[in-house]
C-alpha atoms as a PDB file:
ATOM      1  CA  MET A   1       0.000   0.000   0.000  1.00  0.00           C
ATOM      2  CA  THR A   2       1.382   3.413  -0.928  1.00  0.00           C
ATOM      3  CA  GLY A   3       1.443   6.352   1.434  1.00  0.00           C
ATOM      4  CA  ARG A   4      -1.306   8.033  -0.569  1.00  0.00           C
ATOM      5  CA  GLN A   5      -3.484   4.913  -0.361  1.00  0.00           C
ATOM      6  CA  PHE A   6      -2.803   4.608   3.359  1.00  0.00           C
ATOM      7  CA  ALA A   7      -3.808   8.256   3.886  1.00  0.00           C
ATOM      8  CA  ALA A   8      -6.971   7.721   1.879  1.00  0.00           C
ATOM      9  CA  SER A   9      -7.924   4.722   4.018  1.00  0.00           C
ATOM     10  CA  LEU A  10      -7.785   6.986   7.065  1.00  0.00           C
ATOM     11  CA  ALA A  11      -9.445   9.961   5.358  1.00  0.00           C
ATOM     12  CA  TRP A  12      -6.249  11.978   5.846  1.00  0.00           C
ATOM     13  CA  ALA A  13      -4.694  14.510   3.497  1.00  0.00           C
ATOM     14  CA  PRO A  14      -2.112  12.730   1.278  1.00  0.00           C
ATOM     15  CA  SER A  15       0.767  14.745   2.756  1.00  0.00           C
ATOM     16  CA  LYS A  16      -0.047  13.872   6.382  1.00  0.00           C
ATOM     17  CA  VAL A  17       1.544  10.418   6.282  1.00  0.00           C
ATOM     18  CA  SER A  18       4.874  11.691   4.963  1.00  0.00           C
ATOM     19  CA  LYS A  19       4.877  14.609   7.431  1.00  0.00           C
ATOM     20  CA  ILE A  20       4.413  12.252  10.384  1.00  0.00           C
ATOM     21  CA  GLU A  21       6.975   9.772   9.058  1.00  0.00           C
ATOM     22  CA  ASN A  22       9.560  12.528   8.559  1.00  0.00           C
ATOM     23  CA  GLY A  23       8.931  14.291  11.850  1.00  0.00           C
ATOM     24  CA  ARG A  24       7.373  17.413  10.372  1.00  0.00           C
ATOM     25  CA  GLN A  25       4.049  16.859  12.143  1.00  0.00           C
ATOM     26  CA  THR A  26       3.366  15.461  15.605  1.00  0.00           C
ATOM     27  CA  PRO A  27       0.534  12.914  15.637  1.00  0.00           C
ATOM     28  CA  THR A  28      -2.309  13.121  18.122  1.00  0.00           C
ATOM     29  CA  ASP A  29      -3.466  10.202  20.258  1.00  0.00           C
ATOM     30  CA  ASP A  30      -6.304   9.595  17.783  1.00  0.00           C
ATOM     31  CA  ASP A  31      -3.853   9.666  14.875  1.00  0.00           C
ATOM     32  CA  LEU A  32      -1.803   6.926  16.526  1.00  0.00           C
ATOM     33  CA  ARG A  33      -4.883   4.829  17.238  1.00  0.00           C
ATOM     34  CA  SER A  34      -5.996   5.110  13.594  1.00  0.00           C
ATOM     35  CA  TRP A  35      -2.473   4.392  12.352  1.00  0.00           C
ATOM     36  CA  ALA A  36      -2.095   1.273  14.524  1.00  0.00           C
ATOM     37  CA  ARG A  37      -5.518  -0.047  13.554  1.00  0.00           C
ATOM     38  CA  ALA A  38      -5.050   0.520   9.803  1.00  0.00           C
ATOM     39  CA  SER A  39      -1.546  -0.983   9.799  1.00  0.00           C
ATOM     40  CA  ALA A  40      -2.517  -3.994  11.951  1.00  0.00           C
ATOM     41  CA  HIS A  41      -0.080  -2.975  14.708  1.00  0.00           C
ATOM     42  CA  GLU A  42      -2.556  -2.412  17.539  1.00  0.00           C
ATOM     43  CA  SER A  43      -0.320  -4.424  19.866  1.00  0.00           C
ATOM     44  CA  GLU A  44       2.191  -1.576  19.640  1.00  0.00           C
ATOM     45  CA  LEU A  45      -0.316   1.182  20.392  1.00  0.00           C
ATOM     46  CA  ASP A  46       0.403   1.496  24.121  1.00  0.00           C
ATOM     47  CA  ALA A  47       4.126   1.885  23.489  1.00  0.00           C
ATOM     48  CA  LEU A  48       3.494   4.462  20.759  1.00  0.00           C
ATOM     49  CA  LEU A  49       1.205   6.487  23.025  1.00  0.00           C
ATOM     50  CA  ALA A  50       3.728   6.330  25.849  1.00  0.00           C
ATOM     51  CA  SER A  51       6.477   7.604  23.545  1.00  0.00           C
ATOM     52  CA  LEU A  52       4.260  10.447  22.360  1.00  0.00           C
ATOM     53  CA  HIS A  53       3.394  11.496  25.901  1.00  0.00           C
ATOM     54  CA  THR A  54       7.063  11.327  26.919  1.00  0.00           C
ATOM     55  CA  LEU A  55       7.898  13.646  24.026  1.00  0.00           C
ATOM     56  CA  GLU A  56       5.166  16.065  25.091  1.00  0.00           C
ATOM     57  CA  LEU A  57       6.513  16.023  28.650  1.00  0.00           C
ATOM     58  CA  GLN A  58      10.090  16.534  27.515  1.00  0.00           C
ATOM     59  CA  TYR A  59       9.460  19.528  25.237  1.00  0.00           C
ATOM     60  CA  ALA A  60       7.245  22.372  26.442  1.00  0.00           C
ATOM     61  CA  GLU A  61       7.155  25.545  24.351  1.00  0.00           C
ATOM     62  CA  TRP A  62       7.293  28.747  26.367  1.00  0.00           C
ATOM     63  CA  ARG A  63       4.309  30.151  24.462  1.00  0.00           C
ATOM     64  CA  HIS A  64       2.238  27.377  26.054  1.00  0.00           C
ATOM     65  CA  VAL A  65       3.957  27.266  29.441  1.00  0.00           C
ATOM     66  CA  LEU A  66       3.738  31.032  29.917  1.00  0.00           C
ATOM     67  CA  ARG A  67       0.427  31.793  28.261  1.00  0.00           C
ATOM     68  CA  ALA A  68      -1.063  32.568  31.693  1.00  0.00           C
ATOM     69  CA  GLY A  69       2.061  34.482  32.755  1.00  0.00           C
ATOM     70  CA  HIS A  70       5.257  33.799  34.676  1.00  0.00           C
ATOM     71  CA  ARG A  71       3.686  33.639  38.134  1.00  0.00           C
ATOM     72  CA  PRO A  72       1.838  30.315  37.544  1.00  0.00           C
ATOM     73  CA  ALA A  73       4.975  28.828  36.003  1.00  0.00           C
ATOM     74  CA  GLN A  74       7.001  29.846  39.067  1.00  0.00           C
ATOM     75  CA  GLU A  75       4.383  28.340  41.365  1.00  0.00           C
ATOM     76  CA  GLN A  76       4.575  25.024  39.518  1.00  0.00           C
ATOM     77  CA  LEU A  77       8.261  24.801  40.429  1.00  0.00           C
ATOM     78  CA  LEU A  78       7.441  24.768  44.136  1.00  0.00           C
ATOM     79  CA  GLU A  79       6.198  21.160  44.098  1.00  0.00           C
ATOM     80  CA  TRP A  80       9.351  19.729  42.525  1.00  0.00           C
ATOM     81  CA  GLU A  81      11.556  21.813  44.795  1.00  0.00           C
ATOM     82  CA  GLN A  82       9.730  20.537  47.858  1.00  0.00           C
ATOM     83  CA  ARG A  83      10.339  16.931  46.735  1.00  0.00           C
ATOM     84  CA  THR A  84      14.015  17.394  45.809  1.00  0.00           C
ATOM     85  CA  ARG A  85      16.830  16.876  48.297  1.00  0.00           C
ATOM     86  CA  LEU A  86      19.877  17.480  46.089  1.00  0.00           C
ATOM     87  CA  PHE A  87      19.929  20.299  43.533  1.00  0.00           C
ATOM     88  CA  ARG A  88      22.803  20.352  41.053  1.00  0.00           C
ATOM     89  CA  ILE A  89      22.690  23.580  39.085  1.00  0.00           C
ATOM     90  CA  PHE A  90      24.938  24.759  36.278  1.00  0.00           C
ATOM     91  CA  GLU A  91      24.201  28.133  34.718  1.00  0.00           C
ATOM     92  CA  SER A  92      26.433  29.400  31.924  1.00  0.00           C
ATOM     93  CA  THR A  93      25.003  32.907  31.468  1.00  0.00           C
ATOM     94  CA  VAL A  94      22.728  33.909  34.367  1.00  0.00           C
ATOM     95  CA  ILE A  95      22.563  33.783  38.149  1.00  0.00           C
ATOM     96  CA  PRO A  96      20.272  30.864  39.171  1.00  0.00           C
ATOM     97  CA  GLY A  97      16.768  31.914  40.177  1.00  0.00           C
ATOM     98  CA  LEU A  98      17.113  30.543  43.702  1.00  0.00           C
ATOM     99  CA  LEU A  99      20.011  32.957  44.310  1.00  0.00           C
ATOM    100  CA  GLN A 100      18.647  36.035  42.528  1.00  0.00           C
ATOM    101  CA  THR A 101      17.866  39.381  44.111  1.00  0.00           C
ATOM    102  CA  ALA A 102      14.460  40.916  43.468  1.00  0.00           C
ATOM    103  CA  GLU A 103      15.845  43.505  41.033  1.00  0.00           C
ATOM    104  CA  TYR A 104      17.917  41.004  39.072  1.00  0.00           C
ATOM    105  CA  ALA A 105      14.930  38.645  38.868  1.00  0.00           C
ATOM    106  CA  ARG A 106      12.697  41.507  37.717  1.00  0.00           C
ATOM    107  CA  ALA A 107      15.129  42.272  34.897  1.00  0.00           C
ATOM    108  CA  ARG A 108      15.051  38.623  33.835  1.00  0.00           C
ATOM    109  CA  PHE A 109      11.237  38.497  33.779  1.00  0.00           C
ATOM    110  CA  HIS A 110      10.961  41.782  31.881  1.00  0.00           C
ATOM    111  CA  GLU A 111      13.358  40.446  29.256  1.00  0.00           C
ATOM    112  CA  SER A 112      11.281  37.284  28.916  1.00  0.00           C
ATOM    113  CA  VAL A 113       8.062  39.280  28.546  1.00  0.00           C
ATOM    114  CA  ARG A 114       9.626  41.399  25.795  1.00  0.00           C
ATOM    115  CA  ARG A 115      11.010  38.390  23.954  1.00  0.00           C
ATOM    116  CA  LEU A 116       8.001  36.091  24.209  1.00  0.00           C
ATOM    117  CA  LYS A 117       5.314  38.796  24.180  1.00  0.00           C
ATOM    118  CA  GLY A 118       3.388  37.164  27.025  1.00  0.00           C
ATOM    119  CA  PRO A 119       1.396  38.671  29.903  1.00  0.00           C
ATOM    120  CA  ASN A 120       3.405  41.138  31.982  1.00  0.00           C
ATOM    121  CA  ASP A 121       3.139  39.829  35.533  1.00  0.00           C
ATOM    122  CA  ALA A 122       6.801  40.404  36.392  1.00  0.00           C
ATOM    123  CA  ASP A 123       6.148  41.794  39.874  1.00  0.00           C
ATOM    124  CA  GLU A 124       3.956  38.828  40.821  1.00  0.00           C
ATOM    125  CA  ALA A 125       6.525  36.410  39.373  1.00  0.00           C
ATOM    126  CA  VAL A 126       9.330  38.057  41.373  1.00  0.00           C
ATOM    127  CA  ALA A 127       7.312  37.620  44.576  1.00  0.00           C
ATOM    128  CA  VAL A 128       6.924  33.883  43.918  1.00  0.00           C
ATOM    129  CA  ARG A 129      10.596  33.484  42.981  1.00  0.00           C
ATOM    130  CA  LEU A 130      11.610  35.095  46.275  1.00  0.00           C
ATOM    131  CA  ARG A 131       9.195  32.810  48.110  1.00  0.00           C
ATOM    132  CA  ARG A 132      10.834  29.831  46.409  1.00  0.00           C
ATOM    133  CA  GLN A 133      14.154  30.903  47.929  1.00  0.00           C
ATOM    134  CA  GLU A 134      12.902  30.024  51.410  1.00  0.00           C
ATOM    135  CA  ILE A 135      13.880  26.457  50.551  1.00  0.00           C
ATOM    136  CA  LEU A 136      17.551  27.472  50.836  1.00  0.00           C
ATOM    137  CA  TYR A 137      17.147  27.564  54.612  1.00  0.00           C
ATOM    138  CA  ARG A 138      15.418  24.214  55.064  1.00  0.00           C
ATOM    139  CA  ARG A 139      17.197  21.291  56.618  1.00  0.00           C
ATOM    140  CA  GLY A 140      17.675  18.258  54.440  1.00  0.00           C
ATOM    141  CA  LYS A 141      18.200  20.271  51.243  1.00  0.00           C
ATOM    142  CA  GLN A 142      21.560  20.527  49.461  1.00  0.00           C
ATOM    143  CA  PHE A 143      22.399  22.959  46.656  1.00  0.00           C
ATOM    144  CA  HIS A 144      25.504  22.556  44.511  1.00  0.00           C
ATOM    145  CA  VAL A 145      25.726  25.509  42.128  1.00  0.00           C
ATOM    146  CA  VAL A 146      28.404  26.011  39.474  1.00  0.00           C
ATOM    147  CA  MET A 147      28.861  29.013  37.175  1.00  0.00           C
ATOM    148  CA  PRO A 148      31.629  30.396  34.979  1.00  0.00           C
ATOM    149  CA  GLU A 149      33.038  33.815  35.851  1.00  0.00           C
ATOM    150  CA  ALA A 150      31.608  35.081  32.565  1.00  0.00           C
ATOM    151  CA  ALA A 151      28.071  34.642  33.938  1.00  0.00           C
ATOM    152  CA  LEU A 152      28.926  37.126  36.693  1.00  0.00           C
ATOM    153  CA  ARG A 153      30.085  39.723  34.189  1.00  0.00           C
ATOM    154  CA  LEU A 154      27.263  39.614  31.637  1.00  0.00           C
ATOM    155  CA  ARG A 155      25.409  42.949  31.609  1.00  0.00           C
ATOM    156  CA  LEU A 156      21.878  41.588  31.750  1.00  0.00           C
ATOM    157  CA  CYS A 157      20.826  44.460  34.016  1.00  0.00           C
ATOM    158  CA  PRO A 158      22.139  47.875  35.155  1.00  0.00           C
ATOM    159  CA  VAL A 159      25.528  47.809  36.894  1.00  0.00           C
ATOM    160  CA  ASP A 160      24.107  48.763  40.300  1.00  0.00           C
ATOM    161  CA  THR A 161      21.641  45.860  40.068  1.00  0.00           C
ATOM    162  CA  LEU A 162      24.432  43.490  39.066  1.00  0.00           C
ATOM    163  CA  LEU A 163      26.615  44.649  41.964  1.00  0.00           C
ATOM    164  CA  GLY A 164      23.783  43.990  44.402  1.00  0.00           C
ATOM    165  CA  GLN A 165      23.273  40.574  42.845  1.00  0.00           C
ATOM    166  CA  LEU A 166      26.932  39.637  43.197  1.00  0.00           C
ATOM    167  CA  ASP A 167      26.931  40.737  46.824  1.00  0.00           C
ATOM    168  CA  ARG A 168      23.945  38.458  47.397  1.00  0.00           C
ATOM    169  CA  LEU A 169      25.768  35.617  45.631  1.00  0.00           C
ATOM    170  CA  ALA A 170      28.797  35.995  47.879  1.00  0.00           C
ATOM    171  CA  SER A 171      26.555  35.980  50.959  1.00  0.00           C
ATOM    172  CA  ALA A 172      24.728  32.852  49.778  1.00  0.00           C
ATOM    173  CA  SER A 173      28.049  31.022  49.498  1.00  0.00           C
ATOM    174  CA  HIS A 174      28.249  31.075  53.307  1.00  0.00           C
ATOM    175  CA  LEU A 175      24.998  29.127  53.724  1.00  0.00           C
ATOM    176  CA  PRO A 176      25.747  25.673  55.189  1.00  0.00           C
ATOM    177  CA  ASN A 177      23.741  23.761  52.572  1.00  0.00           C
ATOM    178  CA  VAL A 178      24.914  25.790  49.547  1.00  0.00           C
ATOM    179  CA  ARG A 179      28.115  24.806  47.737  1.00  0.00           C
ATOM    180  CA  LEU A 180      28.949  27.533  45.237  1.00  0.00           C
ATOM    181  CA  GLY A 181      31.594  26.917  42.587  1.00  0.00           C
ATOM    182  CA  ILE A 182      32.902  29.616  40.250  1.00  0.00           C
ATOM    183  CA  ILE A 183      34.976  28.668  37.208  1.00  0.00           C
ATOM    184  CA  ALA A 184      37.527  31.443  36.726  1.00  0.00           C
ATOM    185  CA  THR A 185      38.021  32.705  33.188  1.00  0.00           C
ATOM    186  CA  ALA A 186      41.585  31.373  32.950  1.00  0.00           C
ATOM    187  CA  THR A 187      40.512  27.847  33.925  1.00  0.00           C
ATOM    188  CA  GLU A 188      40.927  25.027  31.404  1.00  0.00           C
ATOM    189  CA  TYR A 189      37.682  23.098  31.005  1.00  0.00           C
ATOM    190  CA  THR A 190      37.433  19.317  30.688  1.00  0.00           C
ATOM    191  CA  VAL A 191      33.929  19.525  29.170  1.00  0.00           C
ATOM    192  CA  SER A 192      32.336  22.300  27.125  1.00  0.00           C
ATOM    193  CA  PRO A 193      29.799  24.453  29.022  1.00  0.00           C
ATOM    194  CA  TRP A 194      27.243  24.248  26.227  1.00  0.00           C
ATOM    195  CA  HIS A 195      24.240  25.425  28.212  1.00  0.00           C
ATOM    196  CA  GLY A 196      22.772  25.687  31.682  1.00  0.00           C
ATOM    197  CA  PHE A 197      20.856  22.832  33.299  1.00  0.00           C
ATOM    198  CA  TRP A 198      19.257  21.948  36.618  1.00  0.00           C
ATOM    199  CA  MET A 199      19.327  18.447  38.085  1.00  0.00           C
ATOM    200  CA  TYR A 200      16.676  17.424  40.609  1.00  0.00           C
ATOM    201  CA  ASP A 201      18.149  14.507  42.541  1.00  0.00           C
ATOM    202  CA  ASP A 202      18.633  11.730  39.986  1.00  0.00           C
ATOM    203  CA  ARG A 203      15.094  12.052  38.629  1.00  0.00           C
ATOM    204  CA  ARG A 204      15.103  14.844  36.063  1.00  0.00           C
ATOM    205  CA  VAL A 205      17.214  17.374  34.186  1.00  0.00           C
ATOM    206  CA  VAL A 206      15.658  20.676  33.104  1.00  0.00           C
ATOM    207  CA  ILE A 207      17.133  22.794  30.310  1.00  0.00           C
ATOM    208  CA  GLU A 208      15.851  26.153  29.093  1.00  0.00           C
ATOM    209  CA  THR A 209      16.227  27.238  25.468  1.00  0.00           C
ATOM    210  CA  PHE A 210      14.968  30.375  23.745  1.00  0.00           C
ATOM    211  CA  SER A 211      11.796  28.637  22.620  1.00  0.00           C
ATOM    212  CA  ALA A 212      11.103  25.830  25.073  1.00  0.00           C
ATOM    213  CA  GLU A 213      11.870  23.981  28.269  1.00  0.00           C
ATOM    214  CA  LEU A 214      13.347  20.486  27.988  1.00  0.00           C
ATOM    215  CA  ASP A 215      12.514  18.028  30.761  1.00  0.00           C
ATOM    216  CA  LEU A 216      14.734  14.945  30.546  1.00  0.00           C
ATOM    217  CA  ARG A 217      13.977  11.872  32.659  1.00  0.00           C
ATOM    218  CA  GLN A 218      15.596   8.947  30.857  1.00  0.00           C
ATOM    219  CA  PRO A 219      18.259   7.292  33.064  1.00  0.00           C
ATOM    220  CA  GLN A 220      20.929   7.517  30.381  1.00  0.00           C
ATOM    221  CA  GLU A 221      20.284  11.260  29.947  1.00  0.00           C
ATOM    222  CA  ILE A 222      20.442  11.905  33.686  1.00  0.00           C
ATOM    223  CA  GLU A 223      23.688   9.942  33.925  1.00  0.00           C
ATOM    224  CA  LEU A 224      25.182  11.933  31.037  1.00  0.00           C
ATOM    225  CA  TYR A 225      24.330  15.258  32.658  1.00  0.00           C
ATOM    226  CA  GLY A 226      25.506  14.031  36.030  1.00  0.00           C
ATOM    227  CA  ASP A 227      28.912  13.245  34.534  1.00  0.00           C
ATOM    228  CA  ALA A 228      29.020  16.653  32.822  1.00  0.00           C
ATOM    229  CA  PHE A 229      28.165  18.384  36.082  1.00  0.00           C
ATOM    230  CA  GLU A 230      30.914  16.565  37.959  1.00  0.00           C
ATOM    231  CA  GLN A 231      33.465  17.629  35.360  1.00  0.00           C
ATOM    232  CA  LEU A 232      32.324  21.258  35.483  1.00  0.00           C
ATOM    233  CA  ALA A 233      32.282  21.205  39.275  1.00  0.00           C
ATOM    234  CA  GLY A 234      35.735  19.633  39.293  1.00  0.00           C
ATOM    235  CA  VAL A 235      37.402  22.705  37.752  1.00  0.00           C
ATOM    236  CA  ALA A 236      35.479  25.283  39.816  1.00  0.00           C
ATOM    237  CA  SER A 237      36.797  27.255  42.790  1.00  0.00           C
ATOM    238  CA  TYR A 238      34.926  27.153  46.095  1.00  0.00           C
ATOM    239  CA  ASP A 239      34.622  28.978  49.418  1.00  0.00           C
ATOM    240  CA  HIS A 240      37.189  31.777  49.816  1.00  0.00           C
ATOM    241  CA  ALA A 241      38.587  31.272  46.307  1.00  0.00           C
ATOM    242  CA  ALA A 242      35.102  31.577  44.782  1.00  0.00           C
ATOM    243  CA  ARG A 243      34.407  34.729  46.794  1.00  0.00           C
ATOM    244  CA  GLN A 244      37.706  36.171  45.602  1.00  0.00           C
ATOM    245  CA  VAL A 245      36.549  35.788  41.987  1.00  0.00           C
ATOM    246  CA  ILE A 246      33.206  37.392  42.828  1.00  0.00           C
ATOM    247  CA  GLY A 247      34.994  40.228  44.649  1.00  0.00           C
ATOM    248  CA  GLN A 248      37.282  40.876  41.693  1.00  0.00           C
ATOM    249  CA  VAL A 249      34.312  41.076  39.329  1.00  0.00           C
ATOM    250  CA  MET A 250      32.576  43.494  41.703  1.00  0.00           C
ATOM    251  CA  SER A 251      35.730  45.620  41.906  1.00  0.00           C
ATOM    252  CA  ASP A 252      35.995  45.729  38.113  1.00  0.00           C
ATOM    253  CA  LEU A 253      32.337  46.694  37.755  1.00  0.00           C
ATOM    254  CA  ALA A 254      32.597  49.405  40.414  1.00  0.00           C
ATOM    255  CA  SER A 255      35.700  50.852  38.746  1.00  0.00           C
ATOM    256  CA  GLU A 256      33.963  50.979  35.383  1.00  0.00           C
ATOM    257  CA  ALA A 257      30.919  52.638  36.927  1.00  0.00           C
ATOM    258  CA  ASP A 258      33.121  55.304  38.540  1.00  0.00           C
ATOM    259  CA  THR A 259      35.061  56.029  35.348  1.00  0.00           C
ATOM    260  CA  PRO A 260      33.537  59.059  33.545  1.00  0.00           C
ATOM    261  CA  SER A 261      32.804  58.555  29.865  1.00  0.00           C
ATOM    262  CA  SER A 262      34.997  60.586  27.520  1.00  0.00           C
END
């Protein structure tokens, strides 16, 4: 049976079969049921549906996630954070949300609203993000955070906001359940810092892209990211050495702010 004949038997447009086969169109549950029935592969239907639902869980476009605003999305994070004991966080370009000041967080939400053209509920989202940070002070939680020095220097907000954020970061490094690693610019990496990711125990890895959030839960994916995190953490500086890097960045920023433009 040709693809055109198969499409006709299902009352589909002729191009739909080739689009699904080549990954240009995502089938619905009903599409899979019709496909399995027409191709005499109904025994495989449950596995096909499970794969489809896994894909939907793994890839969530921001235009869907944030259609009601950032506040509901922030609130949804609370449940996973309550259940997680060990957080492993690598951010390559931004300060992690759990360590952000209100003004830095507000700048991040405003940028997202501009880029994605969603509802502007930045103030409400900031309030929830700050409420999420209460988890930093709860017993039984461990936070291992790693960032390159470059993430501390990126001008994603006004200099005074960035200075306040770096001061907060240095203070957070003293918390007993927070292990903060900074990878100095001159450090030689053993693995490329392609993008930021958050690991929730050994159960999921969350990655943010410009267009979507990726939620990875396959054991082999979690193991891969766990290995990458250990390599990144292995070249980072901690405690006093990490605070020295932060202090140097703050000194550089303050000097630039004090230098009059010519």
